[in-house]
Amino acid sequence: AVLVFITKPLSYLPQAVLASVVFVIGLKL
């Protein structure tokens, strides 16, 4: 459902936010 209806809004996501999410994932490892 997300792929069909909600992918366009994700284009407004800042790259730094995604990098921060990944950064926390790395810390947990």
PDB file of all heavy atoms in Angstrom:
ATOM      1  N   ALA A   1       0.827  -1.208   0.000  1.00  0.00           N
ATOM      2  CA  ALA A   1       0.000   0.000   0.000  1.00  0.00           C
ATOM      3  C   ALA A   1       0.862   1.259   0.000  1.00  0.00           C
ATOM      4  O   ALA A   1       0.567   2.237  -0.701  1.00  0.00           O
ATOM      5  CB  ALA A   1      -0.927  -0.012   1.220  1.00  0.00           C
ATOM      6  N   VAL A   2       1.947   1.231   0.768  1.00  0.00           N
ATOM      7  CA  VAL A   2       2.859   2.380   0.806  1.00  0.00           C
ATOM      8  C   VAL A   2       3.472   2.614  -0.572  1.00  0.00           C
ATOM      9  O   VAL A   2       3.569   3.751  -1.054  1.00  0.00           O
ATOM     10  CB  VAL A   2       3.965   2.156   1.863  1.00  0.00           C
ATOM     11  CG1 VAL A   2       5.064   3.204   1.726  1.00  0.00           C
ATOM     12  CG2 VAL A   2       3.377   2.179   3.260  1.00  0.00           C
ATOM     13  N   LEU A   3       3.898   1.531  -1.239  1.00  0.00           N
ATOM     14  CA  LEU A   3       4.521   1.649  -2.558  1.00  0.00           C
ATOM     15  C   LEU A   3       3.563   2.228  -3.597  1.00  0.00           C
ATOM     16  O   LEU A   3       3.961   2.999  -4.477  1.00  0.00           O
ATOM     17  CB  LEU A   3       5.023   0.281  -3.027  1.00  0.00           C
ATOM     18  CG  LEU A   3       6.341  -0.196  -2.410  1.00  0.00           C
ATOM     19  CD1 LEU A   3       6.567  -1.673  -2.688  1.00  0.00           C
ATOM     20  CD2 LEU A   3       7.510   0.623  -2.943  1.00  0.00           C
ATOM     21  N   VAL A   4       2.318   1.863  -3.480  1.00  0.00           N
ATOM     22  CA  VAL A   4       1.333   2.305  -4.479  1.00  0.00           C
ATOM     23  C   VAL A   4       0.874   3.736  -4.221  1.00  0.00           C
ATOM     24  O   VAL A   4       0.701   4.523  -5.157  1.00  0.00           O
ATOM     25  CB  VAL A   4       0.123   1.344  -4.493  1.00  0.00           C
ATOM     26  CG1 VAL A   4      -0.986   1.885  -5.400  1.00  0.00           C
ATOM     27  CG2 VAL A   4       0.557  -0.041  -4.969  1.00  0.00           C
ATOM     28  N   PHE A   5       0.739   4.106  -2.930  1.00  0.00           N
ATOM     29  CA  PHE A   5       0.079   5.380  -2.627  1.00  0.00           C
ATOM     30  C   PHE A   5       0.982   6.453  -1.981  1.00  0.00           C
ATOM     31  O   PHE A   5       0.659   7.635  -2.056  1.00  0.00           O
ATOM     32  CB  PHE A   5      -1.116   5.148  -1.682  1.00  0.00           C
ATOM     33  CG  PHE A   5      -2.145   4.222  -2.273  1.00  0.00           C
ATOM     34  CD1 PHE A   5      -2.323   2.950  -1.749  1.00  0.00           C
ATOM     35  CD2 PHE A   5      -2.920   4.614  -3.347  1.00  0.00           C
ATOM     36  CE1 PHE A   5      -3.280   2.084  -2.278  1.00  0.00           C
ATOM     37  CE2 PHE A   5      -3.885   3.759  -3.883  1.00  0.00           C
ATOM     38  CZ  PHE A   5      -4.060   2.492  -3.355  1.00  0.00           C
ATOM     39  N   ILE A   6       2.091   6.078  -1.321  1.00  0.00           N
ATOM     40  CA  ILE A   6       2.767   7.058  -0.466  1.00  0.00           C
ATOM     41  C   ILE A   6       4.235   7.274  -0.839  1.00  0.00           C
ATOM     42  O   ILE A   6       4.984   7.854  -0.064  1.00  0.00           O
ATOM     43  CB  ILE A   6       2.656   6.631   1.019  1.00  0.00           C
ATOM     44  CG1 ILE A   6       1.254   6.150   1.350  1.00  0.00           C
ATOM     45  CG2 ILE A   6       3.018   7.769   1.962  1.00  0.00           C
ATOM     46  CD1 ILE A   6       1.084   5.692   2.788  1.00  0.00           C
ATOM     47  N   THR A   7       4.721   6.826  -1.971  1.00  0.00           N
ATOM     48  CA  THR A   7       6.138   7.016  -2.287  1.00  0.00           C
ATOM     49  C   THR A   7       6.477   8.452  -2.684  1.00  0.00           C
ATOM     50  O   THR A   7       7.567   8.941  -2.395  1.00  0.00           O
ATOM     51  CB  THR A   7       6.562   6.067  -3.426  1.00  0.00           C
ATOM     52  OG1 THR A   7       5.629   6.191  -4.506  1.00  0.00           O
ATOM     53  CG2 THR A   7       6.631   4.643  -2.945  1.00  0.00           C
ATOM     54  N   LYS A   8       5.529   9.158  -3.314  1.00  0.00           N
ATOM     55  CA  LYS A   8       5.818  10.513  -3.774  1.00  0.00           C
ATOM     56  C   LYS A   8       6.146  11.466  -2.621  1.00  0.00           C
ATOM     57  O   LYS A   8       7.127  12.236  -2.703  1.00  0.00           O
ATOM     58  CB  LYS A   8       4.658  11.069  -4.589  1.00  0.00           C
ATOM     59  CG  LYS A   8       4.983  12.402  -5.260  1.00  0.00           C
ATOM     60  CD  LYS A   8       3.880  12.844  -6.197  1.00  0.00           C
ATOM     61  CE  LYS A   8       4.260  14.164  -6.872  1.00  0.00           C
ATOM     62  NZ  LYS A   8       3.225  14.624  -7.823  1.00  0.00           N
ATOM     63  N   PRO A   9       5.395  11.446  -1.511  1.00  0.00           N
ATOM     64  CA  PRO A   9       5.752  12.343  -0.393  1.00  0.00           C
ATOM     65  C   PRO A   9       7.154  12.104   0.161  1.00  0.00           C
ATOM     66  O   PRO A   9       7.773  13.022   0.701  1.00  0.00           O
ATOM     67  CB  PRO A   9       4.684  12.030   0.663  1.00  0.00           C
ATOM     68  CG  PRO A   9       3.525  11.513  -0.118  1.00  0.00           C
ATOM     69  CD  PRO A   9       4.126  10.752  -1.257  1.00  0.00           C
ATOM     70  N   LEU A  10       7.677  10.853   0.021  1.00  0.00           N
ATOM     71  CA  LEU A  10       8.998  10.552   0.562  1.00  0.00           C
ATOM     72  C   LEU A  10      10.117  11.315  -0.151  1.00  0.00           C
ATOM     73  O   LEU A  10      11.229  11.402   0.359  1.00  0.00           O
ATOM     74  CB  LEU A  10       9.267   9.038   0.472  1.00  0.00           C
ATOM     75  CG  LEU A  10       8.455   8.150   1.429  1.00  0.00           C
ATOM     76  CD1 LEU A  10       8.726   6.683   1.152  1.00  0.00           C
ATOM     77  CD2 LEU A  10       8.778   8.489   2.883  1.00  0.00           C
ATOM     78  N   SER A  11       9.813  11.891  -1.317  1.00  0.00           N
ATOM     79  CA  SER A  11      10.829  12.678  -2.023  1.00  0.00           C
ATOM     80  C   SER A  11      11.206  13.936  -1.245  1.00  0.00           C
ATOM     81  O   SER A  11      12.257  14.532  -1.483  1.00  0.00           O
ATOM     82  CB  SER A  11      10.327  13.063  -3.420  1.00  0.00           C
ATOM     83  OG  SER A  11       9.171  13.882  -3.336  1.00  0.00           O
ATOM     84  N   TYR A  12      10.346  14.349  -0.284  1.00  0.00           N
ATOM     85  CA  TYR A  12      10.613  15.537   0.528  1.00  0.00           C
ATOM     86  C   TYR A  12      11.399  15.205   1.800  1.00  0.00           C
ATOM     87  O   TYR A  12      11.661  16.085   2.613  1.00  0.00           O
ATOM     88  CB  TYR A  12       9.289  16.218   0.919  1.00  0.00           C
ATOM     89  CG  TYR A  12       8.523  16.753  -0.262  1.00  0.00           C
ATOM     90  CD1 TYR A  12       7.427  16.072  -0.772  1.00  0.00           C
ATOM     91  CD2 TYR A  12       8.899  17.949  -0.870  1.00  0.00           C
ATOM     92  CE1 TYR A  12       6.716  16.558  -1.856  1.00  0.00           C
ATOM     93  CE2 TYR A  12       8.196  18.448  -1.963  1.00  0.00           C
ATOM     94  CZ  TYR A  12       7.112  17.742  -2.452  1.00  0.00           C
ATOM     95  OH  TYR A  12       6.417  18.229  -3.528  1.00  0.00           O
ATOM     96  N   LEU A  13      11.779  13.956   1.966  1.00  0.00           N
ATOM     97  CA  LEU A  13      12.538  13.553   3.149  1.00  0.00           C
ATOM     98  C   LEU A  13      13.985  14.053   3.041  1.00  0.00           C
ATOM     99  O   LEU A  13      14.672  13.768   2.059  1.00  0.00           O
ATOM    100  CB  LEU A  13      12.528  12.028   3.298  1.00  0.00           C
ATOM    101  CG  LEU A  13      13.367  11.439   4.445  1.00  0.00           C
ATOM    102  CD1 LEU A  13      12.781  11.830   5.793  1.00  0.00           C
ATOM    103  CD2 LEU A  13      13.439   9.913   4.324  1.00  0.00           C
ATOM    104  N   PRO A  14      14.498  14.784   4.032  1.00  0.00           N
ATOM    105  CA  PRO A  14      15.889  15.233   4.005  1.00  0.00           C
ATOM    106  C   PRO A  14      16.863  14.052   4.051  1.00  0.00           C
ATOM    107  O   PRO A  14      16.655  13.089   4.797  1.00  0.00           O
ATOM    108  CB  PRO A  14      16.023  16.094   5.265  1.00  0.00           C
ATOM    109  CG  PRO A  14      14.625  16.544   5.560  1.00  0.00           C
ATOM    110  CD  PRO A  14      13.752  15.398   5.154  1.00  0.00           C
ATOM    111  N   GLN A  15      17.916  14.115   3.262  1.00  0.00           N
ATOM    112  CA  GLN A  15      18.917  13.052   3.243  1.00  0.00           C
ATOM    113  C   GLN A  15      19.557  12.858   4.616  1.00  0.00           C
ATOM    114  O   GLN A  15      19.864  11.728   5.015  1.00  0.00           O
ATOM    115  CB  GLN A  15      20.001  13.387   2.218  1.00  0.00           C
ATOM    116  CG  GLN A  15      19.540  13.381   0.774  1.00  0.00           C
ATOM    117  CD  GLN A  15      20.656  13.699  -0.184  1.00  0.00           C
ATOM    118  OE1 GLN A  15      21.836  13.673   0.171  1.00  0.00           O
ATOM    119  NE2 GLN A  15      20.301  14.024  -1.430  1.00  0.00           N
ATOM    120  N   ALA A  16      19.734  13.946   5.340  1.00  0.00           N
ATOM    121  CA  ALA A  16      20.369  13.869   6.655  1.00  0.00           C
ATOM    122  C   ALA A  16      19.537  13.060   7.641  1.00  0.00           C
ATOM    123  O   ALA A  16      20.091  12.424   8.549  1.00  0.00           O
ATOM    124  CB  ALA A  16      20.612  15.274   7.211  1.00  0.00           C
ATOM    125  N   VAL A  17      18.203  13.089   7.472  1.00  0.00           N
ATOM    126  CA  VAL A  17      17.329  12.319   8.365  1.00  0.00           C
ATOM    127  C   VAL A  17      17.539  10.828   8.136  1.00  0.00           C
ATOM    128  O   VAL A  17      17.675  10.039   9.086  1.00  0.00           O
ATOM    129  CB  VAL A  17      15.853  12.706   8.140  1.00  0.00           C
ATOM    130  CG1 VAL A  17      14.936  11.794   8.952  1.00  0.00           C
ATOM    131  CG2 VAL A  17      15.624  14.163   8.523  1.00  0.00           C
ATOM    132  N   LEU A  18      17.579  10.431   6.869  1.00  0.00           N
ATOM    133  CA  LEU A  18      17.819   9.021   6.549  1.00  0.00           C
ATOM    134  C   LEU A  18      19.205   8.596   7.031  1.00  0.00           C
ATOM    135  O   LEU A  18      19.373   7.495   7.572  1.00  0.00           O
ATOM    136  CB  LEU A  18      17.689   8.803   5.042  1.00  0.00           C
ATOM    137  CG  LEU A  18      17.588   7.354   4.565  1.00  0.00           C
ATOM    138  CD1 LEU A  18      16.434   6.641   5.243  1.00  0.00           C
ATOM    139  CD2 LEU A  18      17.445   7.303   3.054  1.00  0.00           C
ATOM    140  N   ALA A  19      20.179   9.470   6.857  1.00  0.00           N
ATOM    141  CA  ALA A  19      21.533   9.170   7.344  1.00  0.00           C
ATOM    142  C   ALA A  19      21.552   9.024   8.862  1.00  0.00           C
ATOM    143  O   ALA A  19      22.262   8.162   9.408  1.00  0.00           O
ATOM    144  CB  ALA A  19      22.492  10.279   6.908  1.00  0.00           C
ATOM    145  N   SER A  20      20.762   9.816   9.556  1.00  0.00           N
ATOM    146  CA  SER A  20      20.688   9.737  11.019  1.00  0.00           C
ATOM    147  C   SER A  20      20.063   8.428  11.470  1.00  0.00           C
ATOM    148  O   SER A  20      20.495   7.821  12.459  1.00  0.00           O
ATOM    149  CB  SER A  20      19.887  10.919  11.572  1.00  0.00           C
ATOM    150  OG  SER A  20      20.496  12.148  11.229  1.00  0.00           O
ATOM    151  N   VAL A  21      19.038   7.979  10.729  1.00  0.00           N
ATOM    152  CA  VAL A  21      18.408   6.680  11.025  1.00  0.00           C
ATOM    153  C   VAL A  21      19.433   5.568  10.873  1.00  0.00           C
ATOM    154  O   VAL A  21      19.559   4.678  11.726  1.00  0.00           O
ATOM    155  CB  VAL A  21      17.196   6.440  10.094  1.00  0.00           C
ATOM    156  CG1 VAL A  21      16.686   5.005  10.255  1.00  0.00           C
ATOM    157  CG2 VAL A  21      16.087   7.434  10.387  1.00  0.00           C
ATOM    158  N   VAL A  22      20.205   5.609   9.775  1.00  0.00           N
ATOM    159  CA  VAL A  22      21.238   4.601   9.537  1.00  0.00           C
ATOM    160  C   VAL A  22      22.336   4.686  10.596  1.00  0.00           C
ATOM    161  O   VAL A  22      22.853   3.658  11.060  1.00  0.00           O
ATOM    162  CB  VAL A  22      21.838   4.786   8.126  1.00  0.00           C
ATOM    163  CG1 VAL A  22      22.978   3.797   7.893  1.00  0.00           C
ATOM    164  CG2 VAL A  22      20.769   4.614   7.070  1.00  0.00           C
ATOM    165  N   PHE A  23      22.690   5.901  10.995  1.00  0.00           N
ATOM    166  CA  PHE A  23      23.709   6.103  12.024  1.00  0.00           C
ATOM    167  C   PHE A  23      23.321   5.396  13.321  1.00  0.00           C
ATOM    168  O   PHE A  23      24.139   4.715  13.949  1.00  0.00           O
ATOM    169  CB  PHE A  23      23.891   7.605  12.271  1.00  0.00           C
ATOM    170  CG  PHE A  23      24.892   7.935  13.341  1.00  0.00           C
ATOM    171  CD1 PHE A  23      26.253   7.905  13.071  1.00  0.00           C
ATOM    172  CD2 PHE A  23      24.481   8.283  14.618  1.00  0.00           C
ATOM    173  CE1 PHE A  23      27.185   8.217  14.059  1.00  0.00           C
ATOM    174  CE2 PHE A  23      25.392   8.588  15.612  1.00  0.00           C
ATOM    175  CZ  PHE A  23      26.751   8.558  15.331  1.00  0.00           C
ATOM    176  N   VAL A  24      22.052   5.528  13.717  1.00  0.00           N
ATOM    177  CA  VAL A  24      21.566   4.877  14.940  1.00  0.00           C
ATOM    178  C   VAL A  24      21.575   3.361  14.775  1.00  0.00           C
ATOM    179  O   VAL A  24      21.915   2.626  15.709  1.00  0.00           O
ATOM    180  CB  VAL A  24      20.151   5.384  15.291  1.00  0.00           C
ATOM    181  CG1 VAL A  24      19.590   4.602  16.479  1.00  0.00           C
ATOM    182  CG2 VAL A  24      20.185   6.871  15.621  1.00  0.00           C
ATOM    183  N   ILE A  25      21.215   2.877  13.574  1.00  0.00           N
ATOM    184  CA  ILE A  25      21.266   1.435  13.298  1.00  0.00           C
ATOM    185  C   ILE A  25      22.691   0.920  13.505  1.00  0.00           C
ATOM    186  O   ILE A  25      22.910  -0.131  14.119  1.00  0.00           O
ATOM    187  CB  ILE A  25      20.801   1.137  11.859  1.00  0.00           C
ATOM    188  CG1 ILE A  25      19.295   1.400  11.715  1.00  0.00           C
ATOM    189  CG2 ILE A  25      21.111  -0.310  11.475  1.00  0.00           C
ATOM    190  CD1 ILE A  25      18.794   1.338  10.279  1.00  0.00           C
ATOM    191  N   GLY A  26      23.662   1.676  12.991  1.00  0.00           N
ATOM    192  CA  GLY A  26      25.060   1.287  13.166  1.00  0.00           C
ATOM    193  C   GLY A  26      25.472   1.256  14.626  1.00  0.00           C
ATOM    194  O   GLY A  26      26.156   0.322  15.064  1.00  0.00           O
ATOM    195  N   LEU A  27      25.036   2.251  15.390  1.00  0.00           N
ATOM    196  CA  LEU A  27      25.375   2.290  16.819  1.00  0.00           C
ATOM    197  C   LEU A  27      24.831   1.072  17.556  1.00  0.00           C
ATOM    198  O   LEU A  27      25.489   0.531  18.455  1.00  0.00           O
ATOM    199  CB  LEU A  27      24.822   3.570  17.460  1.00  0.00           C
ATOM    200  CG  LEU A  27      25.469   4.902  17.051  1.00  0.00           C
ATOM    201  CD1 LEU A  27      24.811   6.043  17.823  1.00  0.00           C
ATOM    202  CD2 LEU A  27      26.974   4.888  17.311  1.00  0.00           C
ATOM    203  N   LYS A  28      23.635   0.635  17.176  1.00  0.00           N
ATOM    204  CA  LYS A  28      23.023  -0.521  17.836  1.00  0.00           C
ATOM    205  C   LYS A  28      23.790  -1.810  17.559  1.00  0.00           C
ATOM    206  O   LYS A  28      23.726  -2.756  18.347  1.00  0.00           O
ATOM    207  CB  LYS A  28      21.568  -0.675  17.380  1.00  0.00           C
ATOM    208  CG  LYS A  28      20.637   0.412  17.917  1.00  0.00           C
ATOM    209  CD  LYS A  28      19.211   0.207  17.423  1.00  0.00           C
ATOM    210  CE  LYS A  28      18.279   1.278  17.977  1.00  0.00           C
ATOM    211  NZ  LYS A  28      16.891   1.112  17.466  1.00  0.00           N
ATOM    212  N   LEU A  29      24.499  -1.858  16.428  1.00  0.00           N
ATOM    213  CA  LEU A  29      25.275  -3.052  16.094  1.00  0.00           C
ATOM    214  C   LEU A  29      26.571  -3.135  16.893  1.00  0.00           C
ATOM    215  O   LEU A  29      27.156  -4.208  17.016  1.00  0.00           O
ATOM    216  CB  LEU A  29      25.599  -3.067  14.595  1.00  0.00           C
ATOM    217  CG  LEU A  29      24.464  -3.412  13.639  1.00  0.00           C
ATOM    218  CD1 LEU A  29      24.925  -3.240  12.198  1.00  0.00           C
ATOM    219  CD2 LEU A  29      23.972  -4.832  13.864  1.00  0.00           C
TER     220      LEU A  29
END
